[in-house]
PDB file of N, CA and C in Angstrom:
ATOM      1  N   MET A   1      -9.823  -0.495  22.422  1.00  0.00           N
ATOM      2  CA  MET A   1     -10.004  -0.697  20.994  1.00  0.00           C
ATOM      3  C   MET A   1     -10.984   0.350  20.470  1.00  0.00           C
ATOM      4  N   THR A   2     -10.605   1.011  19.411  1.00  0.00           N
ATOM      5  CA  THR A   2     -11.445   2.030  18.786  1.00  0.00           C
ATOM      6  C   THR A   2     -12.307   1.402  17.707  1.00  0.00           C
ATOM      7  N   THR A   3     -13.552   1.828  17.664  1.00  0.00           N
ATOM      8  CA  THR A   3     -14.453   1.463  16.585  1.00  0.00           C
ATOM      9  C   THR A   3     -14.944   2.751  15.944  1.00  0.00           C
ATOM     10  N   ILE A   4     -14.922   2.770  14.612  1.00  0.00           N
ATOM     11  CA  ILE A   4     -15.445   3.912  13.868  1.00  0.00           C
ATOM     12  C   ILE A   4     -16.819   3.523  13.346  1.00  0.00           C
ATOM     13  N   ILE A   5     -17.804   4.345  13.660  1.00  0.00           N
ATOM     14  CA  ILE A   5     -19.164   4.144  13.157  1.00  0.00           C
ATOM     15  C   ILE A   5     -19.432   5.267  12.167  1.00  0.00           C
ATOM     16  N   VAL A   6     -19.811   4.888  10.950  1.00  0.00           N
ATOM     17  CA  VAL A   6     -20.062   5.862   9.895  1.00  0.00           C
ATOM     18  C   VAL A   6     -21.538   5.808   9.540  1.00  0.00           C
ATOM     19  N   LEU A   7     -22.199   6.947   9.642  1.00  0.00           N
ATOM     20  CA  LEU A   7     -23.622   7.063   9.308  1.00  0.00           C
ATOM     21  C   LEU A   7     -23.738   7.900   8.043  1.00  0.00           C
ATOM     22  N   PHE A   8     -24.504   7.401   7.066  1.00  0.00           N
ATOM     23  CA  PHE A   8     -24.628   8.187   5.835  1.00  0.00           C
ATOM     24  C   PHE A   8     -25.839   7.776   5.003  1.00  0.00           C
ATOM     25  N   ASN A   9     -26.210   8.707   4.142  1.00  0.00           N
ATOM     26  CA  ASN A   9     -27.201   8.485   3.099  1.00  0.00           C
ATOM     27  C   ASN A   9     -26.487   8.603   1.763  1.00  0.00           C
ATOM     28  N   LEU A  10     -27.077   8.024   0.750  1.00  0.00           N
ATOM     29  CA  LEU A  10     -26.511   8.145  -0.588  1.00  0.00           C
ATOM     30  C   LEU A  10     -26.890   9.486  -1.194  1.00  0.00           C
ATOM     31  N   LYS A  11     -26.031   9.992  -2.045  1.00  0.00           N
ATOM     32  CA  LYS A  11     -26.340  11.209  -2.792  1.00  0.00           C
ATOM     33  C   LYS A  11     -27.508  10.912  -3.724  1.00  0.00           C
ATOM     34  N   ASP A  12     -28.230  11.947  -4.105  1.00  0.00           N
ATOM     35  CA  ASP A  12     -29.432  11.786  -4.925  1.00  0.00           C
ATOM     36  C   ASP A  12     -29.175  11.094  -6.252  1.00  0.00           C
ATOM     37  N   ASP A  13     -27.983  11.272  -6.817  1.00  0.00           N
ATOM     38  CA  ASP A  13     -27.706  10.691  -8.131  1.00  0.00           C
ATOM     39  C   ASP A  13     -27.056   9.306  -8.067  1.00  0.00           C
ATOM     40  N   VAL A  14     -27.020   8.708  -6.869  1.00  0.00           N
ATOM     41  CA  VAL A  14     -26.404   7.389  -6.680  1.00  0.00           C
ATOM     42  C   VAL A  14     -27.498   6.369  -6.370  1.00  0.00           C
ATOM     43  N   THR A  15     -27.464   5.249  -7.071  1.00  0.00           N
ATOM     44  CA  THR A  15     -28.444   4.200  -6.794  1.00  0.00           C
ATOM     45  C   THR A  15     -27.915   3.261  -5.706  1.00  0.00           C
ATOM     46  N   GLN A  16     -28.850   2.626  -5.038  1.00  0.00           N
ATOM     47  CA  GLN A  16     -28.499   1.635  -4.020  1.00  0.00           C
ATOM     48  C   GLN A  16     -27.654   0.529  -4.646  1.00  0.00           C
ATOM     49  N   GLU A  17     -28.043   0.057  -5.810  1.00  0.00           N
ATOM     50  CA  GLU A  17     -27.312  -1.021  -6.478  1.00  0.00           C
ATOM     51  C   GLU A  17     -25.877  -0.596  -6.811  1.00  0.00           C
ATOM     52  N   GLU A  18     -25.699   0.624  -7.299  1.00  0.00           N
ATOM     53  CA  GLU A  18     -24.369   1.113  -7.648  1.00  0.00           C
ATOM     54  C   GLU A  18     -23.456   1.144  -6.419  1.00  0.00           C
ATOM     55  N   TYR A  19     -23.959   1.727  -5.326  1.00  0.00           N
ATOM     56  CA  TYR A  19     -23.147   1.797  -4.110  1.00  0.00           C
ATOM     57  C   TYR A  19     -22.862   0.402  -3.554  1.00  0.00           C
ATOM     58  N   GLU A  20     -23.887  -0.433  -3.426  1.00  0.00           N
ATOM     59  CA  GLU A  20     -23.702  -1.742  -2.808  1.00  0.00           C
ATOM     60  C   GLU A  20     -22.788  -2.647  -3.629  1.00  0.00           C
ATOM     61  N   ASN A  21     -22.831  -2.541  -4.938  1.00  0.00           N
ATOM     62  CA  ASN A  21     -21.899  -3.313  -5.778  1.00  0.00           C
ATOM     63  C   ASN A  21     -20.462  -2.892  -5.506  1.00  0.00           C
ATOM     64  N   TRP A  22     -20.228  -1.573  -5.423  1.00  0.00           N
ATOM     65  CA  TRP A  22     -18.883  -1.082  -5.133  1.00  0.00           C
ATOM     66  C   TRP A  22     -18.449  -1.484  -3.721  1.00  0.00           C
ATOM     67  N   ALA A  23     -19.361  -1.338  -2.754  1.00  0.00           N
ATOM     68  CA  ALA A  23     -19.026  -1.659  -1.359  1.00  0.00           C
ATOM     69  C   ALA A  23     -18.616  -3.121  -1.219  1.00  0.00           C
ATOM     70  N   THR A  24     -19.363  -4.029  -1.832  1.00  0.00           N
ATOM     71  CA  THR A  24     -19.078  -5.452  -1.663  1.00  0.00           C
ATOM     72  C   THR A  24     -17.894  -5.923  -2.503  1.00  0.00           C
ATOM     73  N   SER A  25     -17.667  -5.305  -3.651  1.00  0.00           N
ATOM     74  CA  SER A  25     -16.578  -5.757  -4.524  1.00  0.00           C
ATOM     75  C   SER A  25     -15.251  -5.069  -4.242  1.00  0.00           C
ATOM     76  N   THR A  26     -15.296  -3.863  -3.673  1.00  0.00           N
ATOM     77  CA  THR A  26     -14.077  -3.071  -3.533  1.00  0.00           C
ATOM     78  C   THR A  26     -13.825  -2.617  -2.102  1.00  0.00           C
ATOM     79  N   ASP A  27     -14.734  -1.860  -1.550  1.00  0.00           N
ATOM     80  CA  ASP A  27     -14.519  -1.234  -0.240  1.00  0.00           C
ATOM     81  C   ASP A  27     -14.326  -2.262   0.872  1.00  0.00           C
ATOM     82  N   LEU A  28     -15.270  -3.169   1.019  1.00  0.00           N
ATOM     83  CA  LEU A  28     -15.185  -4.156   2.099  1.00  0.00           C
ATOM     84  C   LEU A  28     -13.920  -5.003   2.029  1.00  0.00           C
ATOM     85  N   PRO A  29     -13.587  -5.614   0.885  1.00  0.00           N
ATOM     86  CA  PRO A  29     -12.388  -6.458   0.884  1.00  0.00           C
ATOM     87  C   PRO A  29     -11.090  -5.680   1.106  1.00  0.00           C
ATOM     88  N   ILE A  30     -10.993  -4.479   0.578  1.00  0.00           N
ATOM     89  CA  ILE A  30      -9.751  -3.715   0.737  1.00  0.00           C
ATOM     90  C   ILE A  30      -9.587  -3.246   2.174  1.00  0.00           C
ATOM     91  N   VAL A  31     -10.629  -2.677   2.765  1.00  0.00           N
ATOM     92  CA  VAL A  31     -10.518  -2.186   4.144  1.00  0.00           C
ATOM     93  C   VAL A  31     -10.321  -3.356   5.112  1.00  0.00           C
ATOM     94  N   ARG A  32     -11.007  -4.459   4.886  1.00  0.00           N
ATOM     95  CA  ARG A  32     -10.828  -5.628   5.763  1.00  0.00           C
ATOM     96  C   ARG A  32      -9.401  -6.167   5.708  1.00  0.00           C
ATOM     97  N   ASN A  33      -8.695  -5.892   4.629  1.00  0.00           N
ATOM     98  CA  ASN A  33      -7.331  -6.383   4.460  1.00  0.00           C
ATOM     99  C   ASN A  33      -6.289  -5.487   5.131  1.00  0.00           C
ATOM    100  N   LEU A  34      -6.684  -4.328   5.635  1.00  0.00           N
ATOM    101  CA  LEU A  34      -5.730  -3.464   6.327  1.00  0.00           C
ATOM    102  C   LEU A  34      -5.293  -4.141   7.625  1.00  0.00           C
ATOM    103  N   ARG A  35      -4.018  -4.057   7.931  1.00  0.00           N
ATOM    104  CA  ARG A  35      -3.487  -4.692   9.151  1.00  0.00           C
ATOM    105  C   ARG A  35      -4.106  -4.100  10.419  1.00  0.00           C
ATOM    106  N   SER A  36      -4.485  -2.833  10.376  1.00  0.00           N
ATOM    107  CA  SER A  36      -5.012  -2.148  11.557  1.00  0.00           C
ATOM    108  C   SER A  36      -6.503  -2.411  11.797  1.00  0.00           C
ATOM    109  N   VAL A  37      -7.153  -3.134  10.894  1.00  0.00           N
ATOM    110  CA  VAL A  37      -8.601  -3.364  10.978  1.00  0.00           C
ATOM    111  C   VAL A  37      -8.878  -4.802  11.408  1.00  0.00           C
ATOM    112  N   ASN A  38      -9.640  -4.952  12.493  1.00  0.00           N
ATOM    113  CA  ASN A  38     -10.092  -6.281  12.929  1.00  0.00           C
ATOM    114  C   ASN A  38     -11.298  -6.740  12.133  1.00  0.00           C
ATOM    115  N   ASN A  39     -12.221  -5.808  11.875  1.00  0.00           N
ATOM    116  CA  ASN A  39     -13.442  -6.161  11.164  1.00  0.00           C
ATOM    117  C   ASN A  39     -14.041  -4.907  10.551  1.00  0.00           C
ATOM    118  N   PHE A  40     -14.758  -5.089   9.448  1.00  0.00           N
ATOM    119  CA  PHE A  40     -15.444  -3.990   8.772  1.00  0.00           C
ATOM    120  C   PHE A  40     -16.744  -4.539   8.221  1.00  0.00           C
ATOM    121  N   GLU A  41     -17.842  -3.933   8.625  1.00  0.00           N
ATOM    122  CA  GLU A  41     -19.159  -4.344   8.144  1.00  0.00           C
ATOM    123  C   GLU A  41     -19.940  -3.115   7.694  1.00  0.00           C
ATOM    124  N   VAL A  42     -20.789  -3.314   6.687  1.00  0.00           N
ATOM    125  CA  VAL A  42     -21.689  -2.271   6.221  1.00  0.00           C
ATOM    126  C   VAL A  42     -23.111  -2.796   6.361  1.00  0.00           C
ATOM    127  N   PHE A  43     -23.964  -1.980   6.957  1.00  0.00           N
ATOM    128  CA  PHE A  43     -25.360  -2.350   7.185  1.00  0.00           C
ATOM    129  C   PHE A  43     -26.272  -1.405   6.416  1.00  0.00           C
ATOM    130  N   ARG A  44     -27.330  -1.952   5.807  1.00  0.00           N
ATOM    131  CA  ARG A  44     -28.367  -1.143   5.185  1.00  0.00           C
ATOM    132  C   ARG A  44     -29.514  -1.038   6.179  1.00  0.00           C
ATOM    133  N   SER A  45     -29.918   0.181   6.492  1.00  0.00           N
ATOM    134  CA  SER A  45     -31.035   0.383   7.420  1.00  0.00           C
ATOM    135  C   SER A  45     -32.322  -0.102   6.774  1.00  0.00           C
ATOM    136  N   LYS A  46     -33.181  -0.711   7.595  1.00  0.00           N
ATOM    137  CA  LYS A  46     -34.455  -1.165   7.044  1.00  0.00           C
ATOM    138  C   LYS A  46     -35.661  -0.663   7.824  1.00  0.00           C
ATOM    139  N   GLY A  47     -35.448  -0.003   8.921  1.00  0.00           N
ATOM    140  CA  GLY A  47     -36.567   0.554   9.674  1.00  0.00           C
ATOM    141  C   GLY A  47     -36.164   0.916  11.077  1.00  0.00           C
ATOM    142  N   ILE A  48     -37.120   1.489  11.798  1.00  0.00           N
ATOM    143  CA  ILE A  48     -36.934   1.828  13.201  1.00  0.00           C
ATOM    144  C   ILE A  48     -37.877   0.949  14.006  1.00  0.00           C
ATOM    145  N   LEU A  49     -37.344   0.243  14.959  1.00  0.00           N
ATOM    146  CA  LEU A  49     -38.116  -0.688  15.771  1.00  0.00           C
ATOM    147  C   LEU A  49     -39.302   0.035  16.410  1.00  0.00           C
ATOM    148  N   GLY A  50     -40.491  -0.501  16.202  1.00  0.00           N
ATOM    149  CA  GLY A  50     -41.698   0.039  16.808  1.00  0.00           C
ATOM    150  C   GLY A  50     -42.216   1.314  16.177  1.00  0.00           C
ATOM    151  N   SER A  51     -41.751   1.632  14.967  1.00  0.00           N
ATOM    152  CA  SER A  51     -42.153   2.877  14.328  1.00  0.00           C
ATOM    153  C   SER A  51     -42.280   2.690  12.826  1.00  0.00           C
ATOM    154  N   ASP A  52     -43.164   3.491  12.222  1.00  0.00           N
ATOM    155  CA  ASP A  52     -43.267   3.516  10.769  1.00  0.00           C
ATOM    156  C   ASP A  52     -42.386   4.599  10.161  1.00  0.00           C
ATOM    157  N   SER A  53     -41.735   5.394  11.010  1.00  0.00           N
ATOM    158  CA  SER A  53     -40.857   6.464  10.533  1.00  0.00           C
ATOM    159  C   SER A  53     -39.620   5.872   9.878  1.00  0.00           C
ATOM    160  N   PRO A  54     -39.129   6.521   8.830  1.00  0.00           N
ATOM    161  CA  PRO A  54     -37.900   6.017   8.193  1.00  0.00           C
ATOM    162  C   PRO A  54     -36.685   6.334   9.060  1.00  0.00           C
ATOM    163  N   PRO A  55     -35.637   5.499   8.980  1.00  0.00           N
ATOM    164  CA  PRO A  55     -34.407   5.792   9.713  1.00  0.00           C
ATOM    165  C   PRO A  55     -33.763   7.079   9.190  1.00  0.00           C
ATOM    166  N   ALA A  56     -33.014   7.738  10.034  1.00  0.00           N
ATOM    167  CA  ALA A  56     -32.335   8.973   9.636  1.00  0.00           C
ATOM    168  C   ALA A  56     -31.226   8.701   8.622  1.00  0.00           C
ATOM    169  N   TYR A  57     -30.634   7.512   8.679  1.00  0.00           N
ATOM    170  CA  TYR A  57     -29.530   7.165   7.784  1.00  0.00           C
ATOM    171  C   TYR A  57     -29.840   5.870   7.061  1.00  0.00           C
ATOM    172  N   ASP A  58     -29.434   5.811   5.790  1.00  0.00           N
ATOM    173  CA  ASP A  58     -29.650   4.620   4.969  1.00  0.00           C
ATOM    174  C   ASP A  58     -28.624   3.525   5.246  1.00  0.00           C
ATOM    175  N   TYR A  59     -27.403   3.936   5.619  1.00  0.00           N
ATOM    176  CA  TYR A  59     -26.318   2.974   5.801  1.00  0.00           C
ATOM    177  C   TYR A  59     -25.536   3.280   7.065  1.00  0.00           C
ATOM    178  N   ILE A  60     -24.990   2.220   7.648  1.00  0.00           N
ATOM    179  CA  ILE A  60     -24.117   2.309   8.816  1.00  0.00           C
ATOM    180  C   ILE A  60     -22.905   1.433   8.537  1.00  0.00           C
ATOM    181  N   GLU A  61     -21.720   2.008   8.684  1.00  0.00           N
ATOM    182  CA  GLU A  61     -20.493   1.230   8.605  1.00  0.00           C
ATOM    183  C   GLU A  61     -19.928   1.100  10.009  1.00  0.00           C
ATOM    184  N   VAL A  62     -19.373  -0.066  10.305  1.00  0.00           N
ATOM    185  CA  VAL A  62     -18.719  -0.296  11.592  1.00  0.00           C
ATOM    186  C   VAL A  62     -17.332  -0.853  11.290  1.00  0.00           C
ATOM    187  N   ILE A  63     -16.314  -0.061  11.656  1.00  0.00           N
ATOM    188  CA  ILE A  63     -14.924  -0.444  11.412  1.00  0.00           C
ATOM    189  C   ILE A  63     -14.245  -0.620  12.763  1.00  0.00           C
ATOM    190  N   SER A  64     -13.885  -1.850  13.098  1.00  0.00           N
ATOM    191  CA  SER A  64     -13.222  -2.161  14.370  1.00  0.00           C
ATOM    192  C   SER A  64     -11.714  -2.159  14.152  1.00  0.00           C
ATOM    193  N   LEU A  65     -11.032  -1.317  14.910  1.00  0.00           N
ATOM    194  CA  LEU A  65      -9.588  -1.166  14.757  1.00  0.00           C
ATOM    195  C   LEU A  65      -8.840  -1.891  15.869  1.00  0.00           C
ATOM    196  N   ASN A  66      -7.656  -2.388  15.531  1.00  0.00           N
ATOM    197  CA  ASN A  66      -6.772  -2.938  16.552  1.00  0.00           C
ATOM    198  C   ASN A  66      -5.623  -1.980  16.852  1.00  0.00           C
ATOM    199  N   ASP A  67      -5.437  -0.965  15.972  1.00  0.00           N
ATOM    200  CA  ASP A  67      -4.367   0.012  16.165  1.00  0.00           C
ATOM    201  C   ASP A  67      -4.763   1.300  15.445  1.00  0.00           C
ATOM    202  N   GLU A  68      -5.259   2.270  16.205  1.00  0.00           N
ATOM    203  CA  GLU A  68      -5.745   3.521  15.610  1.00  0.00           C
ATOM    204  C   GLU A  68      -4.628   4.291  14.905  1.00  0.00           C
ATOM    205  N   THR A  69      -3.454   4.340  15.489  1.00  0.00           N
ATOM    206  CA  THR A  69      -2.328   5.053  14.875  1.00  0.00           C
ATOM    207  C   THR A  69      -1.955   4.422  13.538  1.00  0.00           C
ATOM    208  N   ALA A  70      -1.866   3.092  13.510  1.00  0.00           N
ATOM    209  CA  ALA A  70      -1.542   2.386  12.262  1.00  0.00           C
ATOM    210  C   ALA A  70      -2.637   2.603  11.218  1.00  0.00           C
ATOM    211  N   PHE A  71      -3.895   2.682  11.650  1.00  0.00           N
ATOM    212  CA  PHE A  71      -5.002   2.924  10.724  1.00  0.00           C
ATOM    213  C   PHE A  71      -4.799   4.245   9.996  1.00  0.00           C
ATOM    214  N   TYR A  72      -4.467   5.294  10.740  1.00  0.00           N
ATOM    215  CA  TYR A  72      -4.252   6.601  10.115  1.00  0.00           C
ATOM    216  C   TYR A  72      -3.086   6.556   9.125  1.00  0.00           C
ATOM    217  N   GLU A  73      -2.063   5.792   9.443  1.00  0.00           N
ATOM    218  CA  GLU A  73      -0.946   5.626   8.509  1.00  0.00           C
ATOM    219  C   GLU A  73      -1.403   4.888   7.253  1.00  0.00           C
ATOM    220  N   GLU A  74      -2.163   3.803   7.440  1.00  0.00           N
ATOM    221  CA  GLU A  74      -2.610   3.004   6.294  1.00  0.00           C
ATOM    222  C   GLU A  74      -3.568   3.778   5.390  1.00  0.00           C
ATOM    223  N   ILE A  75      -4.434   4.578   5.959  1.00  0.00           N
ATOM    224  CA  ILE A  75      -5.401   5.285   5.110  1.00  0.00           C
ATOM    225  C   ILE A  75      -4.776   6.472   4.379  1.00  0.00           C
ATOM    226  N   SER A  76      -3.519   6.763   4.665  1.00  0.00           N
ATOM    227  CA  SER A  76      -2.845   7.831   3.933  1.00  0.00           C
ATOM    228  C   SER A  76      -2.239   7.322   2.619  1.00  0.00           C
ATOM    229  N   SER A  77      -2.287   6.013   2.369  1.00  0.00           N
ATOM    230  CA  SER A  77      -1.759   5.456   1.118  1.00  0.00           C
ATOM    231  C   SER A  77      -2.606   5.927  -0.063  1.00  0.00           C
ATOM    232  N   GLN A  78      -2.022   5.897  -1.247  1.00  0.00           N
ATOM    233  CA  GLN A  78      -2.753   6.328  -2.441  1.00  0.00           C
ATOM    234  C   GLN A  78      -3.982   5.450  -2.687  1.00  0.00           C
ATOM    235  N   LEU A  79      -3.846   4.145  -2.490  1.00  0.00           N
ATOM    236  CA  LEU A  79      -4.985   3.244  -2.671  1.00  0.00           C
ATOM    237  C   LEU A  79      -6.139   3.655  -1.764  1.00  0.00           C
ATOM    238  N   MET A  80      -5.852   3.895  -0.488  1.00  0.00           N
ATOM    239  CA  MET A  80      -6.918   4.249   0.443  1.00  0.00           C
ATOM    240  C   MET A  80      -7.464   5.653   0.170  1.00  0.00           C
ATOM    241  N   GLN A  81      -6.635   6.541  -0.326  1.00  0.00           N
ATOM    242  CA  GLN A  81      -7.128   7.866  -0.713  1.00  0.00           C
ATOM    243  C   GLN A  81      -8.102   7.739  -1.887  1.00  0.00           C
ATOM    244  N   ASP A  82      -7.814   6.834  -2.814  1.00  0.00           N
ATOM    245  CA  ASP A  82      -8.718   6.577  -3.941  1.00  0.00           C
ATOM    246  C   ASP A  82     -10.034   5.968  -3.453  1.00  0.00           C
ATOM    247  N   ILE A  83      -9.945   5.031  -2.499  1.00  0.00           N
ATOM    248  CA  ILE A  83     -11.151   4.419  -1.925  1.00  0.00           C
ATOM    249  C   ILE A  83     -11.983   5.493  -1.225  1.00  0.00           C
ATOM    250  N   ALA A  84     -11.335   6.343  -0.444  1.00  0.00           N
ATOM    251  CA  ALA A  84     -12.048   7.407   0.280  1.00  0.00           C
ATOM    252  C   ALA A  84     -12.722   8.373  -0.687  1.00  0.00           C
ATOM    253  N   ALA A  85     -12.040   8.715  -1.774  1.00  0.00           N
ATOM    254  CA  ALA A  85     -12.628   9.628  -2.760  1.00  0.00           C
ATOM    255  C   ALA A  85     -13.853   9.004  -3.419  1.00  0.00           C
ATOM    256  N   LYS A  86     -13.765   7.727  -3.736  1.00  0.00           N
ATOM    257  CA  LYS A  86     -14.917   7.045  -4.346  1.00  0.00           C
ATOM    258  C   LYS A  86     -16.072   6.985  -3.349  1.00  0.00           C
ATOM    259  N   PHE A  87     -15.774   6.676  -2.081  1.00  0.00           N
ATOM    260  CA  PHE A  87     -16.813   6.658  -1.056  1.00  0.00           C
ATOM    261  C   PHE A  87     -17.491   8.025  -0.973  1.00  0.00           C
ATOM    262  N   GLN A  88     -16.698   9.085  -0.977  1.00  0.00           N
ATOM    263  CA  GLN A  88     -17.257  10.442  -0.898  1.00  0.00           C
ATOM    264  C   GLN A  88     -18.137  10.758  -2.106  1.00  0.00           C
ATOM    265  N   SER A  89     -17.882  10.119  -3.238  1.00  0.00           N
ATOM    266  CA  SER A  89     -18.727  10.350  -4.417  1.00  0.00           C
ATOM    267  C   SER A  89     -20.100   9.692  -4.256  1.00  0.00           C
ATOM    268  N   PHE A  90     -20.200   8.710  -3.366  1.00  0.00           N
ATOM    269  CA  PHE A  90     -21.471   8.030  -3.098  1.00  0.00           C
ATOM    270  C   PHE A  90     -22.235   8.652  -1.928  1.00  0.00           C
ATOM    271  N   ALA A  91     -21.522   9.026  -0.872  1.00  0.00           N
ATOM    272  CA  ALA A  91     -22.135   9.375   0.420  1.00  0.00           C
ATOM    273  C   ALA A  91     -22.371  10.874   0.561  1.00  0.00           C
ATOM    274  N   GLU A  92     -23.547  11.206   1.043  1.00  0.00           N
ATOM    275  CA  GLU A  92     -23.927  12.596   1.311  1.00  0.00           C
ATOM    276  C   GLU A  92     -23.609  12.931   2.765  1.00  0.00           C
ATOM    277  N   ASN A  93     -22.590  13.741   2.982  1.00  0.00           N
ATOM    278  CA  ASN A  93     -22.224  14.221   4.314  1.00  0.00           C
ATOM    279  C   ASN A  93     -22.108  13.091   5.354  1.00  0.00           C
ATOM    280  N   PRO A  94     -21.228  12.112   5.132  1.00  0.00           N
ATOM    281  CA  PRO A  94     -21.095  11.018   6.101  1.00  0.00           C
ATOM    282  C   PRO A  94     -20.570  11.519   7.441  1.00  0.00           C
ATOM    283  N   GLN A  95     -21.042  10.900   8.513  1.00  0.00           N
ATOM    284  CA  GLN A  95     -20.619  11.221   9.870  1.00  0.00           C
ATOM    285  C   GLN A  95     -19.729  10.093  10.374  1.00  0.00           C
ATOM    286  N   PHE A  96     -18.462  10.391  10.651  1.00  0.00           N
ATOM    287  CA  PHE A  96     -17.495   9.410  11.136  1.00  0.00           C
ATOM    288  C   PHE A  96     -17.371   9.590  12.649  1.00  0.00           C
ATOM    289  N   ILE A  97     -17.865   8.626  13.408  1.00  0.00           N
ATOM    290  CA  ILE A  97     -17.909   8.730  14.859  1.00  0.00           C
ATOM    291  C   ILE A  97     -16.877   7.770  15.452  1.00  0.00           C
ATOM    292  N   LEU A  98     -15.908   8.304  16.190  1.00  0.00           N
ATOM    293  CA  LEU A  98     -14.918   7.473  16.887  1.00  0.00           C
ATOM    294  C   LEU A  98     -15.504   7.032  18.213  1.00  0.00           C
ATOM    295  N   THR A  99     -15.418   5.752  18.512  1.00  0.00           N
ATOM    296  CA  THR A  99     -15.993   5.236  19.750  1.00  0.00           C
ATOM    297  C   THR A  99     -15.007   4.335  20.487  1.00  0.00           C
ATOM    298  N   ASP A 100     -15.234   4.196  21.775  1.00  0.00           N
ATOM    299  CA  ASP A 100     -14.545   3.228  22.621  1.00  0.00           C
ATOM    300  C   ASP A 100     -15.609   2.360  23.281  1.00  0.00           C
ATOM    301  N   VAL A 101     -15.326   1.091  23.458  1.00  0.00           N
ATOM    302  CA  VAL A 101     -16.204   0.210  24.202  1.00  0.00           C
ATOM    303  C   VAL A 101     -16.164   0.653  25.680  1.00  0.00           C
ATOM    304  N   LEU A 102     -17.299   0.741  26.328  1.00  0.00           N
ATOM    305  CA  LEU A 102     -17.336   1.232  27.703  1.00  0.00           C
ATOM    306  C   LEU A 102     -16.400   0.476  28.635  1.00  0.00           C
ATOM    307  N   GLY A 103     -16.238  -0.802  28.421  1.00  0.00           N
ATOM    308  CA  GLY A 103     -15.364  -1.578  29.275  1.00  0.00           C
ATOM    309  C   GLY A 103     -13.896  -1.254  29.105  1.00  0.00           C
ATOM    310  N   THR A 104     -13.525  -0.479  28.066  1.00  0.00           N
ATOM    311  CA  THR A 104     -12.122  -0.173  27.841  1.00  0.00           C
ATOM    312  C   THR A 104     -11.792   1.304  28.044  1.00  0.00           C
ATOM    313  N   ILE A 105     -12.761   2.079  28.496  1.00  0.00           N
ATOM    314  CA  ILE A 105     -12.519   3.522  28.722  1.00  0.00           C
ATOM    315  C   ILE A 105     -11.738   3.716  29.986  1.00  0.00           C
TER     316      ILE A 105
END
């Protein structure tokens, strides 16, 4: 099973409230409804354990897939292209990391 981990900060002209309202009202419900997605969560970073240093990224997305090939097909739809474009308007240089659980490698 593939999991996509997305690390990102907001662009300077985007407020936390603006992004989080969109994420909870639009992004999360639509992506969670894709047949290829088992789960989708967005986390707001709040600190680094044992340190006063700020985290490198403000947000982390975790998208658990049940079918990577089907996911790529689903995200090619116009709706998902619109969602991706809106996400890109919020996120500064997001890093999309494809992962496998060690037990399934």
